[in-house]
N, C-alpha and C. Protein backbone atom coordinates (compact mmCIF):
# COMPACT_ATOMS: atom_id res chain seq x y z
N MET A 1 -49.27 43.37 -5.21
CA MET A 1 -50.11 42.37 -4.60
C MET A 1 -49.29 41.20 -4.07
N SER A 2 -48.21 40.87 -4.76
CA SER A 2 -47.36 39.76 -4.34
C SER A 2 -46.71 40.04 -2.98
N ARG A 3 -46.30 41.29 -2.79
CA ARG A 3 -45.67 41.68 -1.52
C ARG A 3 -46.65 41.55 -0.35
N LEU A 4 -47.90 41.92 -0.58
CA LEU A 4 -48.94 41.79 0.44
C LEU A 4 -49.17 40.32 0.79
N LYS A 5 -49.19 39.48 -0.23
CA LYS A 5 -49.37 38.03 -0.01
C LYS A 5 -48.21 37.46 0.81
N GLU A 6 -46.99 37.89 0.50
CA GLU A 6 -45.81 37.44 1.26
C GLU A 6 -45.91 37.87 2.72
N ASN A 7 -46.33 39.11 2.95
CA ASN A 7 -46.46 39.62 4.32
C ASN A 7 -47.52 38.85 5.09
N ILE A 8 -48.66 38.60 4.46
CA ILE A 8 -49.73 37.85 5.12
C ILE A 8 -49.28 36.43 5.42
N THR A 9 -48.60 35.81 4.46
CA THR A 9 -48.10 34.44 4.67
C THR A 9 -47.10 34.42 5.81
N SER A 10 -46.22 35.40 5.86
CA SER A 10 -45.23 35.47 6.94
C SER A 10 -45.92 35.63 8.30
N ILE A 11 -46.91 36.48 8.37
CA ILE A 11 -47.65 36.69 9.62
C ILE A 11 -48.35 35.40 10.03
N LEU A 12 -48.97 34.72 9.06
CA LEU A 12 -49.66 33.46 9.37
C LEU A 12 -48.68 32.39 9.83
N LYS A 13 -47.51 32.31 9.20
CA LYS A 13 -46.52 31.31 9.60
C LYS A 13 -46.05 31.55 11.03
N TRP A 14 -45.76 32.82 11.36
CA TRP A 14 -45.30 33.13 12.72
C TRP A 14 -46.43 32.95 13.74
N SER A 15 -47.65 33.25 13.32
CA SER A 15 -48.80 33.02 14.21
C SER A 15 -48.95 31.53 14.48
N ASN A 16 -48.69 30.73 13.45
CA ASN A 16 -48.81 29.29 13.63
C ASN A 16 -47.71 28.74 14.54
N VAL A 17 -46.54 29.34 14.49
CA VAL A 17 -45.47 28.96 15.42
C VAL A 17 -45.92 29.26 16.85
N GLY A 18 -46.55 30.41 17.03
CA GLY A 18 -47.08 30.77 18.35
C GLY A 18 -48.18 29.81 18.79
N LEU A 19 -49.06 29.42 17.86
CA LEU A 19 -50.10 28.44 18.18
C LEU A 19 -49.49 27.11 18.60
N ARG A 20 -48.42 26.72 17.91
CA ARG A 20 -47.74 25.46 18.23
C ARG A 20 -47.19 25.52 19.66
N GLY A 21 -46.55 26.61 19.99
CA GLY A 21 -46.02 26.77 21.35
C GLY A 21 -47.11 26.77 22.39
N LEU A 22 -48.20 27.45 22.09
CA LEU A 22 -49.34 27.49 23.00
C LEU A 22 -49.95 26.10 23.16
N MET A 23 -50.07 25.37 22.05
CA MET A 23 -50.62 24.02 22.08
C MET A 23 -49.74 23.09 22.92
N GLU A 24 -48.43 23.14 22.71
CA GLU A 24 -47.53 22.27 23.47
C GLU A 24 -47.53 22.62 24.95
N THR A 25 -47.62 23.91 25.27
CA THR A 25 -47.73 24.34 26.67
C THR A 25 -49.02 23.80 27.28
N ALA A 26 -50.11 23.90 26.53
CA ALA A 26 -51.40 23.40 27.02
C ALA A 26 -51.36 21.89 27.21
N ILE A 27 -50.63 21.17 26.36
CA ILE A 27 -50.50 19.73 26.51
C ILE A 27 -49.76 19.39 27.80
N VAL A 28 -48.67 20.10 28.06
CA VAL A 28 -47.90 19.84 29.30
C VAL A 28 -48.78 20.13 30.52
N ILE A 29 -49.45 21.26 30.51
CA ILE A 29 -50.32 21.62 31.64
C ILE A 29 -51.46 20.60 31.76
N GLY A 30 -52.02 20.19 30.63
CA GLY A 30 -53.10 19.20 30.64
C GLY A 30 -52.65 17.87 31.22
N MET A 31 -51.45 17.43 30.83
CA MET A 31 -50.92 16.16 31.36
C MET A 31 -50.70 16.28 32.87
N ALA A 32 -50.16 17.40 33.30
CA ALA A 32 -49.93 17.60 34.74
C ALA A 32 -51.27 17.64 35.48
N TYR A 33 -52.25 18.30 34.91
CA TYR A 33 -53.58 18.39 35.51
C TYR A 33 -54.19 16.99 35.65
N CYS A 34 -54.08 16.18 34.62
CA CYS A 34 -54.61 14.82 34.66
C CYS A 34 -53.89 13.99 35.72
N GLY A 35 -52.57 14.08 35.74
CA GLY A 35 -51.81 13.35 36.74
C GLY A 35 -52.18 13.76 38.15
N TYR A 36 -52.33 15.06 38.36
CA TYR A 36 -52.69 15.58 39.68
C TYR A 36 -54.04 15.03 40.13
N HIS A 37 -55.00 14.98 39.24
CA HIS A 37 -56.35 14.54 39.60
C HIS A 37 -56.48 13.02 39.74
N LEU A 38 -55.47 12.27 39.30
CA LEU A 38 -55.52 10.82 39.48
C LEU A 38 -54.96 10.39 40.83
N GLY A 39 -54.18 11.26 41.46
CA GLY A 39 -53.62 10.95 42.77
C GLY A 39 -54.63 11.17 43.88
N HIS A 40 -54.47 10.41 44.98
CA HIS A 40 -55.40 10.53 46.10
C HIS A 40 -54.80 11.30 47.27
N GLN A 41 -53.49 11.21 47.43
CA GLN A 41 -52.81 11.95 48.48
C GLN A 41 -51.95 13.02 47.83
N VAL A 42 -51.62 14.03 48.59
CA VAL A 42 -50.87 15.17 48.04
C VAL A 42 -49.56 14.73 47.39
N ALA A 43 -48.83 13.85 48.05
CA ALA A 43 -47.54 13.40 47.50
C ALA A 43 -47.75 12.70 46.15
N TRP A 44 -48.77 11.85 46.06
CA TRP A 44 -49.07 11.16 44.79
C TRP A 44 -49.53 12.14 43.74
N LYS A 45 -50.33 13.12 44.13
CA LYS A 45 -50.81 14.13 43.18
C LYS A 45 -49.63 14.87 42.55
N ILE A 46 -48.69 15.29 43.39
CA ILE A 46 -47.52 16.02 42.89
C ILE A 46 -46.64 15.12 42.03
N LEU A 47 -46.40 13.90 42.48
CA LEU A 47 -45.57 12.96 41.72
C LEU A 47 -46.18 12.68 40.35
N LEU A 48 -47.47 12.40 40.31
CA LEU A 48 -48.13 12.12 39.04
C LEU A 48 -48.21 13.35 38.15
N ALA A 49 -48.34 14.52 38.76
CA ALA A 49 -48.37 15.77 37.98
C ALA A 49 -47.04 16.02 37.29
N VAL A 50 -45.95 15.53 37.88
CA VAL A 50 -44.63 15.67 37.27
C VAL A 50 -44.37 14.53 36.28
N LEU A 51 -44.76 13.31 36.66
CA LEU A 51 -44.47 12.14 35.82
C LEU A 51 -45.27 12.10 34.52
N PHE A 52 -46.52 12.50 34.54
CA PHE A 52 -47.35 12.43 33.34
C PHE A 52 -46.75 13.21 32.16
N PRO A 53 -46.36 14.46 32.36
CA PRO A 53 -45.74 15.17 31.22
C PRO A 53 -44.42 14.53 30.77
N LEU A 54 -43.63 14.05 31.73
CA LEU A 54 -42.36 13.41 31.36
C LEU A 54 -42.61 12.16 30.52
N LEU A 55 -43.54 11.33 30.95
CA LEU A 55 -43.86 10.12 30.20
C LEU A 55 -44.53 10.45 28.87
N GLY A 56 -45.41 11.43 28.88
CA GLY A 56 -46.10 11.83 27.65
C GLY A 56 -45.15 12.32 26.59
N PHE A 57 -44.23 13.19 26.97
CA PHE A 57 -43.29 13.70 25.97
C PHE A 57 -42.20 12.69 25.65
N GLY A 58 -41.99 11.73 26.56
CA GLY A 58 -41.11 10.60 26.24
C GLY A 58 -41.72 9.79 25.10
N PHE A 59 -43.03 9.56 25.19
CA PHE A 59 -43.74 8.85 24.12
C PHE A 59 -43.72 9.69 22.84
N TRP A 60 -43.92 10.98 22.99
CA TRP A 60 -43.97 11.90 21.85
C TRP A 60 -42.67 11.82 21.04
N GLY A 61 -41.55 11.76 21.72
CA GLY A 61 -40.26 11.76 21.03
C GLY A 61 -39.66 10.38 20.83
N LEU A 62 -40.42 9.35 21.15
CA LEU A 62 -39.91 7.99 21.09
C LEU A 62 -39.57 7.53 19.67
N VAL A 63 -40.37 7.90 18.72
CA VAL A 63 -40.23 7.40 17.36
C VAL A 63 -39.66 8.47 16.44
N ASP A 64 -38.69 8.08 15.65
CA ASP A 64 -38.15 8.97 14.62
C ASP A 64 -38.93 8.70 13.33
N PHE A 65 -39.87 9.58 13.03
CA PHE A 65 -40.75 9.34 11.89
C PHE A 65 -40.06 9.53 10.54
N HIS A 66 -38.86 10.08 10.53
CA HIS A 66 -38.12 10.19 9.27
C HIS A 66 -37.81 8.81 8.70
N ARG A 67 -37.74 7.79 9.56
CA ARG A 67 -37.43 6.43 9.11
C ARG A 67 -38.53 5.84 8.23
N PHE A 68 -39.73 6.36 8.34
CA PHE A 68 -40.86 5.79 7.63
C PHE A 68 -41.07 6.40 6.25
N LYS A 69 -40.10 7.18 5.80
CA LYS A 69 -40.09 7.80 4.47
C LYS A 69 -41.43 8.44 4.11
N LYS A 70 -42.16 7.89 3.15
CA LYS A 70 -43.35 8.57 2.65
C LYS A 70 -44.52 8.55 3.62
N TYR A 71 -44.52 7.64 4.59
CA TYR A 71 -45.62 7.60 5.58
C TYR A 71 -45.29 8.36 6.85
N GLY A 72 -44.08 8.87 6.96
CA GLY A 72 -43.64 9.54 8.18
C GLY A 72 -44.50 10.73 8.55
N GLU A 73 -44.82 11.56 7.57
CA GLU A 73 -45.63 12.76 7.83
C GLU A 73 -47.02 12.37 8.34
N LEU A 74 -47.63 11.39 7.70
CA LEU A 74 -48.96 10.94 8.09
C LEU A 74 -48.94 10.33 9.50
N LEU A 75 -47.91 9.54 9.80
CA LEU A 75 -47.79 8.94 11.13
C LEU A 75 -47.56 10.00 12.20
N ARG A 76 -46.76 11.00 11.87
CA ARG A 76 -46.51 12.08 12.83
C ARG A 76 -47.80 12.86 13.10
N LEU A 77 -48.57 13.14 12.05
CA LEU A 77 -49.84 13.83 12.22
C LEU A 77 -50.78 12.99 13.09
N PHE A 78 -50.84 11.69 12.82
CA PHE A 78 -51.69 10.80 13.62
C PHE A 78 -51.26 10.83 15.08
N GLN A 79 -49.96 10.75 15.34
CA GLN A 79 -49.46 10.77 16.71
C GLN A 79 -49.83 12.08 17.41
N GLU A 80 -49.63 13.19 16.74
CA GLU A 80 -49.92 14.49 17.36
C GLU A 80 -51.41 14.65 17.64
N LEU A 81 -52.24 14.23 16.70
CA LEU A 81 -53.69 14.33 16.91
C LEU A 81 -54.15 13.37 18.01
N LEU A 82 -53.54 12.19 18.07
CA LEU A 82 -53.89 11.22 19.11
C LEU A 82 -53.53 11.76 20.50
N VAL A 83 -52.31 12.23 20.66
CA VAL A 83 -51.87 12.75 21.96
C VAL A 83 -52.72 13.95 22.37
N THR A 84 -52.89 14.90 21.45
CA THR A 84 -53.66 16.09 21.75
C THR A 84 -55.12 15.74 22.05
N GLY A 85 -55.68 14.84 21.25
CA GLY A 85 -57.07 14.43 21.45
C GLY A 85 -57.29 13.73 22.77
N LEU A 86 -56.36 12.85 23.14
CA LEU A 86 -56.48 12.14 24.42
C LEU A 86 -56.41 13.10 25.60
N ILE A 87 -55.49 14.05 25.54
CA ILE A 87 -55.37 15.02 26.63
C ILE A 87 -56.61 15.91 26.68
N ALA A 88 -57.09 16.36 25.51
CA ALA A 88 -58.30 17.19 25.48
C ALA A 88 -59.49 16.42 26.05
N ALA A 89 -59.63 15.15 25.68
CA ALA A 89 -60.73 14.33 26.20
C ALA A 89 -60.59 14.12 27.70
N ALA A 90 -59.37 13.87 28.15
CA ALA A 90 -59.15 13.68 29.59
C ALA A 90 -59.50 14.94 30.37
N LEU A 91 -59.10 16.09 29.86
CA LEU A 91 -59.45 17.35 30.52
C LEU A 91 -60.96 17.51 30.60
N TYR A 92 -61.63 17.21 29.51
CA TYR A 92 -63.09 17.33 29.48
C TYR A 92 -63.74 16.39 30.49
N ILE A 93 -63.27 15.14 30.52
CA ILE A 93 -63.82 14.13 31.45
C ILE A 93 -63.58 14.53 32.90
N LEU A 94 -62.41 15.13 33.17
CA LEU A 94 -62.08 15.53 34.54
C LEU A 94 -62.76 16.83 34.96
N GLY A 95 -63.60 17.39 34.08
CA GLY A 95 -64.37 18.57 34.45
C GLY A 95 -63.84 19.89 33.93
N ALA A 96 -62.68 19.87 33.30
CA ALA A 96 -62.12 21.10 32.73
C ALA A 96 -62.62 21.20 31.28
N HIS A 97 -63.93 21.38 31.13
CA HIS A 97 -64.55 21.35 29.81
C HIS A 97 -63.97 22.39 28.86
N ASN A 98 -63.87 23.62 29.31
CA ASN A 98 -63.35 24.68 28.44
C ASN A 98 -61.90 24.41 28.03
N ALA A 99 -61.10 23.96 28.96
CA ALA A 99 -59.70 23.65 28.64
C ALA A 99 -59.61 22.53 27.60
N GLY A 100 -60.46 21.53 27.74
CA GLY A 100 -60.48 20.44 26.76
C GLY A 100 -60.85 20.93 25.37
N TRP A 101 -61.89 21.78 25.30
CA TRP A 101 -62.31 22.32 24.01
C TRP A 101 -61.24 23.23 23.41
N VAL A 102 -60.63 24.06 24.24
CA VAL A 102 -59.61 24.98 23.75
C VAL A 102 -58.42 24.20 23.19
N LEU A 103 -57.97 23.17 23.90
CA LEU A 103 -56.85 22.36 23.41
C LEU A 103 -57.20 21.68 22.09
N ALA A 104 -58.41 21.14 21.99
CA ALA A 104 -58.83 20.50 20.75
C ALA A 104 -58.84 21.50 19.59
N MET A 105 -59.36 22.69 19.85
CA MET A 105 -59.43 23.71 18.79
C MET A 105 -58.03 24.21 18.41
N LEU A 106 -57.16 24.39 19.41
CA LEU A 106 -55.78 24.78 19.11
C LEU A 106 -55.11 23.78 18.18
N SER A 107 -55.32 22.51 18.47
CA SER A 107 -54.72 21.45 17.65
C SER A 107 -55.27 21.47 16.23
N ILE A 108 -56.58 21.58 16.10
CA ILE A 108 -57.20 21.59 14.77
C ILE A 108 -56.74 22.80 13.96
N VAL A 109 -56.75 23.97 14.58
CA VAL A 109 -56.34 25.19 13.86
C VAL A 109 -54.87 25.13 13.49
N HIS A 110 -54.02 24.70 14.44
CA HIS A 110 -52.58 24.62 14.15
C HIS A 110 -52.30 23.66 13.01
N HIS A 111 -52.83 22.45 13.09
CA HIS A 111 -52.54 21.46 12.06
C HIS A 111 -53.15 21.86 10.72
N GLY A 112 -54.34 22.40 10.74
CA GLY A 112 -54.95 22.87 9.49
C GLY A 112 -54.14 23.97 8.85
N LEU A 113 -53.72 24.94 9.66
CA LEU A 113 -52.93 26.06 9.15
C LEU A 113 -51.56 25.59 8.64
N THR A 114 -50.99 24.61 9.30
CA THR A 114 -49.71 24.06 8.87
C THR A 114 -49.80 23.59 7.42
N TYR A 115 -50.82 22.81 7.13
CA TYR A 115 -50.94 22.26 5.78
C TYR A 115 -51.46 23.28 4.78
N LEU A 116 -52.31 24.20 5.22
CA LEU A 116 -52.77 25.26 4.31
C LEU A 116 -51.63 26.16 3.85
N LEU A 117 -50.64 26.33 4.71
CA LEU A 117 -49.48 27.16 4.38
C LEU A 117 -48.41 26.38 3.62
N GLY A 118 -48.68 25.11 3.34
CA GLY A 118 -47.71 24.30 2.60
C GLY A 118 -46.56 23.81 3.45
N GLU A 119 -46.72 23.85 4.75
CA GLU A 119 -45.67 23.39 5.66
C GLU A 119 -45.85 21.91 5.96
N ARG A 120 -44.91 21.37 6.71
CA ARG A 120 -44.97 19.97 7.13
C ARG A 120 -44.61 19.89 8.61
N LEU A 121 -45.08 18.84 9.26
CA LEU A 121 -44.72 18.61 10.66
C LEU A 121 -43.28 18.11 10.76
N LEU A 122 -42.89 17.27 9.82
CA LEU A 122 -41.52 16.76 9.78
C LEU A 122 -40.68 17.66 8.89
N LYS A 123 -39.72 18.28 9.47
CA LYS A 123 -38.83 19.14 8.70
C LYS A 123 -37.71 18.28 8.12
N ASN A 124 -37.15 18.73 7.01
CA ASN A 124 -36.02 18.01 6.43
C ASN A 124 -34.85 18.08 7.39
N ARG A 125 -34.17 16.96 7.50
CA ARG A 125 -33.00 16.93 8.36
C ARG A 125 -31.84 17.60 7.68
N ARG A 126 -31.09 18.33 8.47
CA ARG A 126 -29.86 18.90 7.96
C ARG A 126 -28.72 18.19 8.65
N SER A 127 -27.76 17.80 7.89
CA SER A 127 -26.60 17.13 8.44
C SER A 127 -25.52 18.16 8.73
N LEU A 128 -25.14 18.27 9.99
CA LEU A 128 -24.12 19.24 10.39
C LEU A 128 -22.82 18.52 10.70
N VAL A 129 -21.71 19.15 10.32
CA VAL A 129 -20.39 18.62 10.64
C VAL A 129 -19.59 19.73 11.31
N HIS A 130 -18.67 19.32 12.15
CA HIS A 130 -17.82 20.29 12.84
C HIS A 130 -16.53 20.43 12.05
N LYS A 131 -16.29 21.64 11.55
CA LYS A 131 -15.11 21.86 10.72
C LYS A 131 -14.49 23.21 11.06
N ASN A 132 -13.21 23.21 11.31
CA ASN A 132 -12.47 24.46 11.62
C ASN A 132 -13.10 25.23 12.77
N GLY A 133 -13.55 24.52 13.79
CA GLY A 133 -14.10 25.17 14.99
C GLY A 133 -15.51 25.66 14.86
N ALA A 134 -16.22 25.28 13.80
CA ALA A 134 -17.60 25.74 13.64
C ALA A 134 -18.45 24.61 13.06
N TRP A 135 -19.74 24.67 13.34
CA TRP A 135 -20.68 23.71 12.78
C TRP A 135 -21.18 24.25 11.45
N ILE A 136 -21.03 23.44 10.41
CA ILE A 136 -21.51 23.82 9.08
C ILE A 136 -22.39 22.72 8.52
N GLU A 137 -23.24 23.10 7.56
CA GLU A 137 -24.11 22.12 6.94
C GLU A 137 -23.30 21.24 5.99
N HIS A 138 -23.50 19.93 6.12
CA HIS A 138 -22.82 18.97 5.27
C HIS A 138 -23.36 19.08 3.84
N PRO A 139 -22.48 19.19 2.86
CA PRO A 139 -22.95 19.41 1.49
C PRO A 139 -23.71 18.22 0.90
N GLY A 140 -23.49 17.02 1.36
CA GLY A 140 -24.14 15.87 0.72
C GLY A 140 -24.89 15.12 1.70
């Protein structure tokens, strides 16, 4: 029975990695879609469709949540839900109702599954050093 549980957990973890990738792809496409629909001329539409994802992911990676120690995980979760929720709401408002709902559900399922599996959004940092021509994990 233990082996079956390990296999199911492994499948769920890899499925969640796939959900994460799908969610992040949907966020990029959603940001581009929003930027495109805010422009009035073709040049502005294209420029905003490119700039929105760049600015959005710039904001996404702006803060190193490891600095916040015990609150880092909670802040990271809040940031991810805020970004995903805003994009889902924007898609819905702009008329892409199904896309908005799908993005919201992807986010809820991914984050729920992450915590149900005992995972975290913030992974432990590994310190790497270059020694003898190779990168190795720092022992301390």
